Amino acid sequence: IALESFQTLLTRFPQSQKAPDALLKLGYSQYELKQFDAARGTLTQVTQKYPDTTVARLAQGRLRALAVDAAH
């Protein structure tokens, strides 16, 4: 349900102030659901769309965790 909520917000209100957080949380949700390819794509999008922000730094941290998970 959280996944759908974040996607709905991004679809309906792409310019919302909450969009960066929603995109980050979408990536987090995908990660937790072990949808690693989708999570990697979403989190990369966060870093590209919102560079030099807190959400980008958080996304980079989760991307590093993904790289570690993929190595195991």
PDB file of N, CA and C in Angstrom:
ATOM      1  N   ILE A   1       0.831  -1.197   0.000  1.00  0.00           N
ATOM      2  CA  ILE A   1       0.000   0.000   0.000  1.00  0.00           C
ATOM      3  C   ILE A   1       0.869   1.252   0.000  1.00  0.00           C
ATOM      4  N   ALA A   2       1.946   1.259   0.767  1.00  0.00           N
ATOM      5  CA  ALA A   2       2.838   2.426   0.789  1.00  0.00           C
ATOM      6  C   ALA A   2       3.399   2.681  -0.592  1.00  0.00           C
ATOM      7  N   LEU A   3       3.784   1.609  -1.267  1.00  0.00           N
ATOM      8  CA  LEU A   3       4.340   1.726  -2.608  1.00  0.00           C
ATOM      9  C   LEU A   3       3.359   2.449  -3.522  1.00  0.00           C
ATOM     10  N   GLU A   4       2.100   2.047  -3.473  1.00  0.00           N
ATOM     11  CA  GLU A   4       1.066   2.664  -4.304  1.00  0.00           C
ATOM     12  C   GLU A   4       0.853   4.126  -3.932  1.00  0.00           C
ATOM     13  N   SER A   5       0.899   4.433  -2.652  1.00  0.00           N
ATOM     14  CA  SER A   5       0.691   5.811  -2.202  1.00  0.00           C
ATOM     15  C   SER A   5       1.781   6.732  -2.734  1.00  0.00           C
ATOM     16  N   PHE A   6       3.028   6.275  -2.661  1.00  0.00           N
ATOM     17  CA  PHE A   6       4.136   7.095  -3.155  1.00  0.00           C
ATOM     18  C   PHE A   6       4.031   7.280  -4.665  1.00  0.00           C
ATOM     19  N   GLN A   7       3.669   6.220  -5.381  1.00  0.00           N
ATOM     20  CA  GLN A   7       3.526   6.322  -6.833  1.00  0.00           C
ATOM     21  C   GLN A   7       2.389   7.265  -7.210  1.00  0.00           C
ATOM     22  N   THR A   8       1.290   7.208  -6.466  1.00  0.00           N
ATOM     23  CA  THR A   8       0.150   8.091  -6.734  1.00  0.00           C
ATOM     24  C   THR A   8       0.542   9.546  -6.534  1.00  0.00           C
ATOM     25  N   LEU A   9       1.223   9.831  -5.441  1.00  0.00           N
ATOM     26  CA  LEU A   9       1.656  11.206  -5.185  1.00  0.00           C
ATOM     27  C   LEU A   9       2.549  11.702  -6.323  1.00  0.00           C
ATOM     28  N   LEU A  10       3.480  10.871  -6.753  1.00  0.00           N
ATOM     29  CA  LEU A  10       4.404  11.269  -7.817  1.00  0.00           C
ATOM     30  C   LEU A  10       3.691  11.474  -9.148  1.00  0.00           C
ATOM     31  N   THR A  11       2.656  10.677  -9.402  1.00  0.00           N
ATOM     32  CA  THR A  11       1.905  10.800 -10.645  1.00  0.00           C
ATOM     33  C   THR A  11       1.008  12.034 -10.634  1.00  0.00           C
ATOM     34  N   ARG A  12       0.307  12.220  -9.533  1.00  0.00           N
ATOM     35  CA  ARG A  12      -0.662  13.314  -9.457  1.00  0.00           C
ATOM     36  C   ARG A  12      -0.030  14.675  -9.162  1.00  0.00           C
ATOM     37  N   PHE A  13       1.029  14.672  -8.375  1.00  0.00           N
ATOM     38  CA  PHE A  13       1.625  15.926  -7.920  1.00  0.00           C
ATOM     39  C   PHE A  13       3.147  15.913  -8.096  1.00  0.00           C
ATOM     40  N   PRO A  14       3.625  15.788  -9.336  1.00  0.00           N
ATOM     41  CA  PRO A  14       5.070  15.657  -9.548  1.00  0.00           C
ATOM     42  C   PRO A  14       5.878  16.873  -9.095  1.00  0.00           C
ATOM     43  N   GLN A  15       5.248  18.027  -8.979  1.00  0.00           N
ATOM     44  CA  GLN A  15       5.958  19.238  -8.564  1.00  0.00           C
ATOM     45  C   GLN A  15       5.796  19.529  -7.069  1.00  0.00           C
ATOM     46  N   SER A  16       5.130  18.633  -6.369  1.00  0.00           N
ATOM     47  CA  SER A  16       4.906  18.816  -4.934  1.00  0.00           C
ATOM     48  C   SER A  16       6.221  18.885  -4.174  1.00  0.00           C
ATOM     49  N   GLN A  17       6.200  19.611  -3.069  1.00  0.00           N
ATOM     50  CA  GLN A  17       7.386  19.662  -2.207  1.00  0.00           C
ATOM     51  C   GLN A  17       7.670  18.289  -1.613  1.00  0.00           C
ATOM     52  N   LYS A  18       6.677  17.436  -1.590  1.00  0.00           N
ATOM     53  CA  LYS A  18       6.840  16.094  -1.036  1.00  0.00           C
ATOM     54  C   LYS A  18       7.353  15.087  -2.066  1.00  0.00           C
ATOM     55  N   ALA A  19       7.437  15.488  -3.320  1.00  0.00           N
ATOM     56  CA  ALA A  19       7.855  14.565  -4.376  1.00  0.00           C
ATOM     57  C   ALA A  19       9.241  13.967  -4.136  1.00  0.00           C
ATOM     58  N   PRO A  20      10.246  14.754  -3.744  1.00  0.00           N
ATOM     59  CA  PRO A  20      11.564  14.139  -3.511  1.00  0.00           C
ATOM     60  C   PRO A  20      11.521  13.058  -2.436  1.00  0.00           C
ATOM     61  N   ASP A  21      10.825  13.343  -1.343  1.00  0.00           N
ATOM     62  CA  ASP A  21      10.706  12.347  -0.265  1.00  0.00           C
ATOM     63  C   ASP A  21       9.919  11.124  -0.728  1.00  0.00           C
ATOM     64  N   ALA A  22       8.883  11.356  -1.506  1.00  0.00           N
ATOM     65  CA  ALA A  22       8.070  10.240  -1.996  1.00  0.00           C
ATOM     66  C   ALA A  22       8.893   9.340  -2.913  1.00  0.00           C
ATOM     67  N   LEU A  23       9.711   9.937  -3.766  1.00  0.00           N
ATOM     68  CA  LEU A  23      10.544   9.156  -4.667  1.00  0.00           C
ATOM     69  C   LEU A  23      11.570   8.349  -3.869  1.00  0.00           C
ATOM     70  N   LEU A  24      12.172   8.971  -2.875  1.00  0.00           N
ATOM     71  CA  LEU A  24      13.128   8.277  -2.018  1.00  0.00           C
ATOM     72  C   LEU A  24      12.447   7.106  -1.298  1.00  0.00           C
ATOM     73  N   LYS A  25      11.273   7.360  -0.733  1.00  0.00           N
ATOM     74  CA  LYS A  25      10.568   6.312   0.014  1.00  0.00           C
ATOM     75  C   LYS A  25      10.074   5.205  -0.913  1.00  0.00           C
ATOM     76  N   LEU A  26       9.776   5.550  -2.153  1.00  0.00           N
ATOM     77  CA  LEU A  26       9.426   4.536  -3.133  1.00  0.00           C
ATOM     78  C   LEU A  26      10.628   3.601  -3.329  1.00  0.00           C
ATOM     79  N   GLY A  27      11.803   4.189  -3.483  1.00  0.00           N
ATOM     80  CA  GLY A  27      13.019   3.380  -3.614  1.00  0.00           C
ATOM     81  C   GLY A  27      13.286   2.529  -2.390  1.00  0.00           C
ATOM     82  N   TYR A  28      13.079   3.104  -1.209  1.00  0.00           N
ATOM     83  CA  TYR A  28      13.246   2.348   0.041  1.00  0.00           C
ATOM     84  C   TYR A  28      12.270   1.166   0.081  1.00  0.00           C
ATOM     85  N   SER A  29      11.024   1.431  -0.302  1.00  0.00           N
ATOM     86  CA  SER A  29      10.002   0.373  -0.279  1.00  0.00           C
ATOM     87  C   SER A  29      10.372  -0.752  -1.240  1.00  0.00           C
ATOM     88  N   GLN A  30      10.823  -0.385  -2.423  1.00  0.00           N
ATOM     89  CA  GLN A  30      11.237  -1.390  -3.399  1.00  0.00           C
ATOM     90  C   GLN A  30      12.401  -2.211  -2.843  1.00  0.00           C
ATOM     91  N   TYR A  31      13.323  -1.555  -2.173  1.00  0.00           N
ATOM     92  CA  TYR A  31      14.460  -2.244  -1.565  1.00  0.00           C
ATOM     93  C   TYR A  31      13.975  -3.254  -0.526  1.00  0.00           C
ATOM     94  N   GLU A  32      13.087  -2.821   0.349  1.00  0.00           N
ATOM     95  CA  GLU A  32      12.575  -3.695   1.403  1.00  0.00           C
ATOM     96  C   GLU A  32      11.797  -4.879   0.831  1.00  0.00           C
ATOM     97  N   LEU A  33      11.164  -4.666  -0.316  1.00  0.00           N
ATOM     98  CA  LEU A  33      10.431  -5.748  -0.978  1.00  0.00           C
ATOM     99  C   LEU A  33      11.346  -6.608  -1.848  1.00  0.00           C
ATOM    100  N   LYS A  34      12.642  -6.337  -1.771  1.00  0.00           N
ATOM    101  CA  LYS A  34      13.666  -7.052  -2.536  1.00  0.00           C
ATOM    102  C   LYS A  34      13.496  -6.893  -4.044  1.00  0.00           C
ATOM    103  N   GLN A  35      12.927  -5.763  -4.450  1.00  0.00           N
ATOM    104  CA  GLN A  35      12.831  -5.408  -5.867  1.00  0.00           C
ATOM    105  C   GLN A  35      14.071  -4.567  -6.188  1.00  0.00           C
ATOM    106  N   PHE A  36      15.218  -5.241  -6.152  1.00  0.00           N
ATOM    107  CA  PHE A  36      16.485  -4.523  -6.176  1.00  0.00           C
ATOM    108  C   PHE A  36      16.733  -3.744  -7.464  1.00  0.00           C
ATOM    109  N   ASP A  37      16.364  -4.280  -8.610  1.00  0.00           N
ATOM    110  CA  ASP A  37      16.565  -3.545  -9.863  1.00  0.00           C
ATOM    111  C   ASP A  37      15.710  -2.278  -9.888  1.00  0.00           C
ATOM    112  N   ALA A  38      14.466  -2.399  -9.464  1.00  0.00           N
ATOM    113  CA  ALA A  38      13.571  -1.235  -9.420  1.00  0.00           C
ATOM    114  C   ALA A  38      14.092  -0.217  -8.411  1.00  0.00           C
ATOM    115  N   ALA A  39      14.535  -0.707  -7.251  1.00  0.00           N
ATOM    116  CA  ALA A  39      15.064   0.194  -6.216  1.00  0.00           C
ATOM    117  C   ALA A  39      16.285   0.941  -6.731  1.00  0.00           C
ATOM    118  N   ARG A  40      17.171   0.219  -7.404  1.00  0.00           N
ATOM    119  CA  ARG A  40      18.381   0.854  -7.949  1.00  0.00           C
ATOM    120  C   ARG A  40      18.000   1.974  -8.932  1.00  0.00           C
ATOM    121  N   GLY A  41      17.035   1.689  -9.797  1.00  0.00           N
ATOM    122  CA  GLY A  41      16.592   2.694 -10.766  1.00  0.00           C
ATOM    123  C   GLY A  41      15.960   3.903 -10.098  1.00  0.00           C
ATOM    124  N   THR A  42      15.106   3.658  -9.130  1.00  0.00           N
ATOM    125  CA  THR A  42      14.419   4.753  -8.428  1.00  0.00           C
ATOM    126  C   THR A  42      15.413   5.599  -7.641  1.00  0.00           C
ATOM    127  N   LEU A  43      16.305   4.946  -6.912  1.00  0.00           N
ATOM    128  CA  LEU A  43      17.266   5.683  -6.087  1.00  0.00           C
ATOM    129  C   LEU A  43      18.260   6.457  -6.952  1.00  0.00           C
ATOM    130  N   THR A  44      18.619   5.895  -8.091  1.00  0.00           N
ATOM    131  CA  THR A  44      19.484   6.623  -9.027  1.00  0.00           C
ATOM    132  C   THR A  44      18.761   7.851  -9.548  1.00  0.00           C
ATOM    133  N   GLN A  45      17.477   7.709  -9.814  1.00  0.00           N
ATOM    134  CA  GLN A  45      16.667   8.839 -10.273  1.00  0.00           C
ATOM    135  C   GLN A  45      16.652   9.946  -9.218  1.00  0.00           C
ATOM    136  N   VAL A  46      16.559   9.577  -7.955  1.00  0.00           N
ATOM    137  CA  VAL A  46      16.584  10.565  -6.869  1.00  0.00           C
ATOM    138  C   VAL A  46      17.888  11.362  -6.925  1.00  0.00           C
ATOM    139  N   THR A  47      19.015  10.662  -7.070  1.00  0.00           N
ATOM    140  CA  THR A  47      20.311  11.351  -7.060  1.00  0.00           C
ATOM    141  C   THR A  47      20.472  12.258  -8.268  1.00  0.00           C
ATOM    142  N   GLN A  48      19.875  11.880  -9.393  1.00  0.00           N
ATOM    143  CA  GLN A  48      19.987  12.695 -10.601  1.00  0.00           C
ATOM    144  C   GLN A  48      19.016  13.872 -10.605  1.00  0.00           C
ATOM    145  N   LYS A  49      17.830  13.632 -10.103  1.00  0.00           N
ATOM    146  CA  LYS A  49      16.780  14.659 -10.134  1.00  0.00           C
ATOM    147  C   LYS A  49      16.947  15.710  -9.030  1.00  0.00           C
ATOM    148  N   TYR A  50      17.514  15.282  -7.906  1.00  0.00           N
ATOM    149  CA  TYR A  50      17.652  16.173  -6.750  1.00  0.00           C
ATOM    150  C   TYR A  50      19.086  16.157  -6.222  1.00  0.00           C
ATOM    151  N   PRO A  51      20.066  16.512  -7.072  1.00  0.00           N
ATOM    152  CA  PRO A  51      21.464  16.449  -6.633  1.00  0.00           C
ATOM    153  C   PRO A  51      21.745  17.420  -5.487  1.00  0.00           C
ATOM    154  N   ASP A  52      22.734  17.082  -4.696  1.00  0.00           N
ATOM    155  CA  ASP A  52      23.176  17.939  -3.586  1.00  0.00           C
ATOM    156  C   ASP A  52      22.065  18.245  -2.586  1.00  0.00           C
ATOM    157  N   THR A  53      21.221  17.247  -2.332  1.00  0.00           N
ATOM    158  CA  THR A  53      20.155  17.392  -1.335  1.00  0.00           C
ATOM    159  C   THR A  53      20.280  16.252  -0.327  1.00  0.00           C
ATOM    160  N   THR A  54      19.562  16.395   0.759  1.00  0.00           N
ATOM    161  CA  THR A  54      19.538  15.336   1.763  1.00  0.00           C
ATOM    162  C   THR A  54      18.982  14.045   1.173  1.00  0.00           C
ATOM    163  N   VAL A  55      17.918  14.150   0.384  1.00  0.00           N
ATOM    164  CA  VAL A  55      17.336  12.928  -0.191  1.00  0.00           C
ATOM    165  C   VAL A  55      18.335  12.236  -1.117  1.00  0.00           C
ATOM    166  N   ALA A  56      19.120  13.012  -1.845  1.00  0.00           N
ATOM    167  CA  ALA A  56      20.131  12.406  -2.729  1.00  0.00           C
ATOM    168  C   ALA A  56      21.191  11.674  -1.910  1.00  0.00           C
ATOM    169  N   ARG A  57      21.614  12.273  -0.808  1.00  0.00           N
ATOM    170  CA  ARG A  57      22.608  11.614   0.042  1.00  0.00           C
ATOM    171  C   ARG A  57      22.045  10.328   0.663  1.00  0.00           C
ATOM    172  N   LEU A  58      20.800  10.370   1.073  1.00  0.00           N
ATOM    173  CA  LEU A  58      20.162   9.169   1.620  1.00  0.00           C
ATOM    174  C   LEU A  58      20.046   8.082   0.549  1.00  0.00           C
ATOM    175  N   ALA A  59      19.696   8.500  -0.658  1.00  0.00           N
ATOM    176  CA  ALA A  59      19.592   7.546  -1.767  1.00  0.00           C
ATOM    177  C   ALA A  59      20.956   6.921  -2.064  1.00  0.00           C
ATOM    178  N   GLN A  60      21.998   7.726  -2.032  1.00  0.00           N
ATOM    179  CA  GLN A  60      23.339   7.199  -2.279  1.00  0.00           C
ATOM    180  C   GLN A  60      23.717   6.167  -1.226  1.00  0.00           C
ATOM    181  N   GLY A  61      23.345   6.410   0.015  1.00  0.00           N
ATOM    182  CA  GLY A  61      23.604   5.443   1.074  1.00  0.00           C
ATOM    183  C   GLY A  61      22.908   4.120   0.816  1.00  0.00           C
ATOM    184  N   ARG A  62      21.668   4.184   0.373  1.00  0.00           N
ATOM    185  CA  ARG A  62      20.930   2.948   0.102  1.00  0.00           C
ATOM    186  C   ARG A  62      21.487   2.260  -1.147  1.00  0.00           C
ATOM    187  N   LEU A  63      21.958   3.039  -2.117  1.00  0.00           N
ATOM    188  CA  LEU A  63      22.587   2.449  -3.296  1.00  0.00           C
ATOM    189  C   LEU A  63      23.854   1.690  -2.906  1.00  0.00           C
ATOM    190  N   ARG A  64      24.608   2.241  -1.942  1.00  0.00           N
ATOM    191  CA  ARG A  64      25.796   1.529  -1.452  1.00  0.00           C
ATOM    192  C   ARG A  64      25.384   0.219  -0.779  1.00  0.00           C
ATOM    193  N   ALA A  65      24.298   0.246  -0.016  1.00  0.00           N
ATOM    194  CA  ALA A  65      23.806  -0.968   0.627  1.00  0.00           C
ATOM    195  C   ALA A  65      23.377  -2.000  -0.429  1.00  0.00           C
ATOM    196  N   LEU A  66      22.785  -1.522  -1.510  1.00  0.00           N
ATOM    197  CA  LEU A  66      22.389  -2.408  -2.598  1.00  0.00           C
ATOM    198  C   LEU A  66      23.613  -3.090  -3.197  1.00  0.00           C
ATOM    199  N   ALA A  67      24.679  -2.337  -3.374  1.00  0.00           N
ATOM    200  CA  ALA A  67      25.900  -2.889  -3.947  1.00  0.00           C
ATOM    201  C   ALA A  67      26.467  -3.981  -3.040  1.00  0.00           C
ATOM    202  N   VAL A  68      26.411  -3.757  -1.735  1.00  0.00           N
ATOM    203  CA  VAL A  68      26.885  -4.750  -0.772  1.00  0.00           C
ATOM    204  C   VAL A  68      25.990  -5.990  -0.824  1.00  0.00           C
ATOM    205  N   ASP A  69      24.672  -5.777  -0.854  1.00  0.00           N
ATOM    206  CA  ASP A  69      23.730  -6.909  -0.922  1.00  0.00           C
ATOM    207  C   ASP A  69      23.950  -7.736  -2.188  1.00  0.00           C
ATOM    208  N   ALA A  70      24.222  -7.058  -3.286  1.00  0.00           N
ATOM    209  CA  ALA A  70      24.420  -7.751  -4.564  1.00  0.00           C
ATOM    210  C   ALA A  70      25.706  -8.585  -4.544  1.00  0.00           C
ATOM    211  N   ALA A  71      26.682  -8.150  -3.748  1.00  0.00           N
ATOM    212  CA  ALA A  71      27.946  -8.865  -3.674  1.00  0.00           C
ATOM    213  C   ALA A  71      27.841 -10.161  -2.864  1.00  0.00           C
ATOM    214  N   HIS A  72      26.782 -10.273  -2.085  1.00  0.00           N
ATOM    215  CA  HIS A  72      26.630 -11.478  -1.225  1.00  0.00           C
ATOM    216  C   HIS A  72      25.744 -12.505  -1.849  1.00  0.00           C
TER     217      HIS A  72
END
